[in-house]
């Protein structure tokens, strides 16, 4: 029984790892940005003039596999070098006859631009992960996943392309299969 449980966990981890990697690659290639333009709101201070909104929508469909992700965010530009913000995330993933999962949570974002083309980032993310086995795989797992991502990217206008690394990553103990992740970031 114990060996079967270990084999099931390893098989599950392998499928989840491949699914997440595929999702990330497809997400990057099909990233759609959520755009928001300030409609001329005037106030005594320039707070809203320094706010940028962005985010993404990820869709991935494959053979008996579905992944839908929505991740809006907003940042406040303290000055031309430094910005802070908040993000939210919801992801639904399903591998038919194996598992389905819901991930939701938020993040604190810090961006630093030492040069106009270079963007360094730190992001503290807290996700609630709910995974439920389907078909022959009867299991349920619910947990909180904390990630601290440090990243760097090339910035051109409102778009940054780069990579980030989760310094709190523990293999087979979280929502992600790898500590290293490429990203595409949009803010308007």
Protein backbone atom coordinates (compact mmCIF):
# COMPACT_ATOMS: atom_id res chain seq x y z
CA UNK A 1 0.00 0.00 0.00
CA UNK A 2 2.80 2.41 0.92
CA UNK A 3 4.70 1.74 -2.33
CA UNK A 4 1.51 2.30 -4.33
CA UNK A 5 0.98 5.61 -2.55
CA UNK A 6 4.55 6.73 -3.29
CA UNK A 7 4.24 5.70 -6.94
CA UNK A 8 0.92 7.55 -7.23
CA UNK A 9 2.49 10.69 -5.71
CA UNK A 10 5.48 10.52 -8.08
CA UNK A 11 3.20 9.96 -11.09
CA UNK A 12 0.98 12.85 -9.96
CA UNK A 13 4.01 15.13 -9.45
CA UNK A 14 5.34 14.24 -12.91
CA UNK A 15 2.02 14.96 -14.61
CA UNK A 16 1.53 18.20 -12.65
CA UNK A 17 5.11 19.30 -13.44
CA UNK A 18 4.65 18.67 -17.15
CA UNK A 19 1.23 20.33 -17.12
CA UNK A 20 2.50 23.43 -15.34
CA UNK A 21 5.54 23.73 -17.63
CA UNK A 22 3.33 23.34 -20.72
CA UNK A 23 0.91 25.88 -19.31
CA UNK A 24 3.67 28.41 -18.65
CA UNK A 25 5.07 28.02 -22.17
CA UNK A 26 1.63 28.32 -23.77
CA UNK A 27 0.72 31.18 -21.43
CA UNK A 28 3.79 33.13 -22.51
CA UNK A 29 3.07 32.54 -26.18
CA UNK A 30 -0.61 33.47 -25.89
CA UNK A 31 -0.45 36.17 -23.24
CA UNK A 32 -3.23 38.70 -23.58
CA UNK A 33 -2.97 41.91 -21.67
CA UNK A 34 -5.76 43.50 -19.72
CA UNK A 35 -5.68 47.16 -20.53
CA UNK A 36 -6.96 50.05 -18.56
CA UNK A 37 -6.60 53.71 -19.45
CA UNK A 38 -7.19 56.49 -16.98
CA UNK A 39 -10.16 58.44 -18.31
CA UNK A 40 -8.99 61.89 -17.35
CA UNK A 41 -9.82 61.74 -13.64
CA UNK A 42 -8.30 64.86 -12.07
CA UNK A 43 -7.51 65.32 -8.42
CA UNK A 44 -5.41 67.64 -6.31
CA UNK A 45 -2.59 65.10 -6.21
CA UNK A 46 -1.11 63.03 -8.97
CA UNK A 47 -1.68 59.60 -7.33
CA UNK A 48 -3.84 58.24 -10.18
CA UNK A 49 -1.42 59.60 -12.75
CA UNK A 50 1.24 57.27 -11.32
CA UNK A 51 -0.91 54.11 -11.25
CA UNK A 52 -0.60 51.50 -13.99
CA UNK A 53 -2.82 48.48 -14.53
CA UNK A 54 -1.91 45.25 -16.23
CA UNK A 55 -2.37 41.57 -16.06
CA UNK A 56 -2.93 38.58 -18.16
CA UNK A 57 -5.26 35.90 -19.35
CA UNK A 58 -3.86 32.44 -19.99
CA UNK A 59 -5.69 29.73 -21.90
CA UNK A 60 -4.27 26.30 -22.59
CA UNK A 61 -6.16 23.40 -24.09
CA UNK A 62 -4.77 20.02 -25.04
CA UNK A 63 -5.61 16.36 -25.21
CA UNK A 64 -7.89 15.97 -22.16
CA UNK A 65 -6.20 18.99 -20.53
CA UNK A 66 -7.53 22.48 -19.72
CA UNK A 67 -5.83 25.43 -18.04
CA UNK A 68 -7.48 28.84 -17.57
CA UNK A 69 -5.68 31.64 -15.72
CA UNK A 70 -6.63 35.24 -14.89
CA UNK A 71 -4.12 37.53 -13.16
CA UNK A 72 -4.85 41.27 -12.89
CA UNK A 73 -2.42 43.61 -11.15
CA UNK A 74 -1.78 47.28 -10.46
CA UNK A 75 1.39 49.19 -9.58
CA UNK A 76 2.13 52.65 -8.24
CA UNK A 77 5.21 54.35 -9.70
CA UNK A 78 6.93 55.97 -6.73
CA UNK A 79 9.47 57.52 -9.13
CA UNK A 80 11.07 56.63 -12.49
CA UNK A 81 13.11 53.85 -10.85
CA UNK A 82 10.81 52.24 -8.28
CA UNK A 83 7.23 50.87 -8.27
CA UNK A 84 5.11 48.88 -5.80
CA UNK A 85 1.84 47.09 -6.35
CA UNK A 86 -0.68 44.34 -5.77
CA UNK A 87 -1.79 41.41 -7.87
CA UNK A 88 -4.49 38.76 -7.79
CA UNK A 89 -4.54 35.35 -9.44
CA UNK A 90 -7.01 32.59 -10.22
CA UNK A 91 -6.12 29.43 -12.12
CA UNK A 92 -8.22 26.39 -12.99
CA UNK A 93 -6.42 23.28 -14.24
CA UNK A 94 -7.98 19.95 -15.19
CA UNK A 95 -6.45 16.73 -16.51
CA UNK A 96 -9.44 14.59 -17.51
CA UNK A 97 -9.81 11.37 -15.50
CA UNK A 98 -6.88 12.32 -13.28
CA UNK A 99 -7.26 15.59 -11.34
CA UNK A 100 -8.67 19.10 -11.21
CA UNK A 101 -7.30 22.03 -9.28
CA UNK A 102 -8.12 25.61 -8.33
CA UNK A 103 -5.39 28.06 -7.34
CA UNK A 104 -6.24 31.53 -6.07
CA UNK A 105 -4.51 34.23 -4.13
CA UNK A 106 -2.61 37.47 -4.24
CA UNK A 107 0.82 39.00 -4.40
CA UNK A 108 2.84 42.04 -3.37
CA UNK A 109 4.97 43.38 -6.22
CA UNK A 110 8.11 45.53 -6.18
CA UNK A 111 9.79 46.70 -9.39
CA UNK A 112 13.13 48.47 -9.74
CA UNK A 113 14.40 49.95 -13.03
CA UNK A 114 18.10 50.88 -12.66
CA UNK A 115 18.10 51.61 -16.42
CA UNK A 116 15.04 52.20 -18.64
CA UNK A 117 15.60 48.83 -20.39
CA UNK A 118 16.33 46.74 -17.27
CA UNK A 119 13.71 45.74 -14.71
CA UNK A 120 14.45 43.89 -11.47
CA UNK A 121 11.55 42.51 -9.47
CA UNK A 122 10.60 40.92 -6.17
CA UNK A 123 7.17 39.36 -5.74
CA UNK A 124 5.74 37.76 -2.62
CA UNK A 125 2.90 35.44 -3.65
CA UNK A 126 0.42 33.56 -1.46
CA UNK A 127 -1.81 30.98 -3.19
CA UNK A 128 -4.46 28.63 -1.90
CA UNK A 129 -4.20 25.36 -3.81
CA UNK A 130 -7.08 22.86 -3.98
CA UNK A 131 -6.39 19.62 -5.86
CA UNK A 132 -8.87 16.79 -6.23
CA UNK A 133 -8.24 13.47 -7.93
CA UNK A 134 -10.82 12.17 -10.37
CA UNK A 135 -11.49 8.84 -12.02
CA UNK A 136 -9.31 6.07 -10.57
CA UNK A 137 -7.28 8.60 -8.57
CA UNK A 138 -9.22 9.37 -5.41
CA UNK A 139 -7.30 11.98 -3.45
CA UNK A 140 -7.73 15.51 -2.20
CA UNK A 141 -5.08 18.00 -1.22
CA UNK A 142 -5.60 21.56 0.02
CA UNK A 143 -2.75 23.79 1.11
CA UNK A 144 -1.28 27.28 1.09
CA UNK A 145 1.74 27.92 -1.13
CA UNK A 146 4.06 30.87 -0.49
CA UNK A 147 6.52 31.99 -3.13
CA UNK A 148 9.15 34.71 -3.10
CA UNK A 149 10.15 35.40 -6.69
CA UNK A 150 13.25 37.43 -7.60
CA UNK A 151 13.44 38.33 -11.25
CA UNK A 152 15.11 40.33 -13.98
CA UNK A 153 13.94 41.28 -17.43
CA UNK A 154 14.36 43.41 -20.53
CA UNK A 155 11.84 46.26 -20.67
CA UNK A 156 10.57 47.93 -23.82
CA UNK A 157 7.80 50.44 -23.19
CA UNK A 158 4.99 48.76 -21.29
CA UNK A 159 6.25 45.19 -21.79
CA UNK A 160 8.95 43.33 -19.85
CA UNK A 161 10.25 39.89 -20.84
CA UNK A 162 12.41 38.01 -18.37
CA UNK A 163 12.72 35.25 -15.82
CA UNK A 164 12.10 34.89 -12.13
CA UNK A 165 13.26 32.44 -9.48
CA UNK A 166 11.29 31.27 -6.42
CA UNK A 167 13.79 31.33 -3.53
CA UNK A 168 11.26 29.50 -1.28
CA UNK A 169 10.78 26.60 -3.73
CA UNK A 170 10.76 23.07 -2.31
CA UNK A 171 10.52 20.18 -4.75
CA UNK A 172 7.21 18.27 -4.65
CA UNK A 173 5.84 20.61 -1.96
CA UNK A 174 4.12 23.42 -3.76
CA UNK A 175 2.02 24.74 -6.59
CA UNK A 176 4.89 24.92 -9.09
CA UNK A 177 7.07 22.18 -10.55
CA UNK A 178 10.19 24.34 -10.92
CA UNK A 179 11.71 27.32 -9.11
CA UNK A 180 12.74 29.04 -12.37
CA UNK A 181 10.01 30.64 -14.53
CA UNK A 182 10.02 32.85 -17.61
CA UNK A 183 7.53 35.74 -17.65
CA UNK A 184 5.98 38.43 -19.81
CA UNK A 185 4.75 41.45 -17.85
CA UNK A 186 2.43 44.20 -19.21
CA UNK A 187 1.49 47.50 -17.55
CA UNK A 188 -0.49 50.32 -19.15
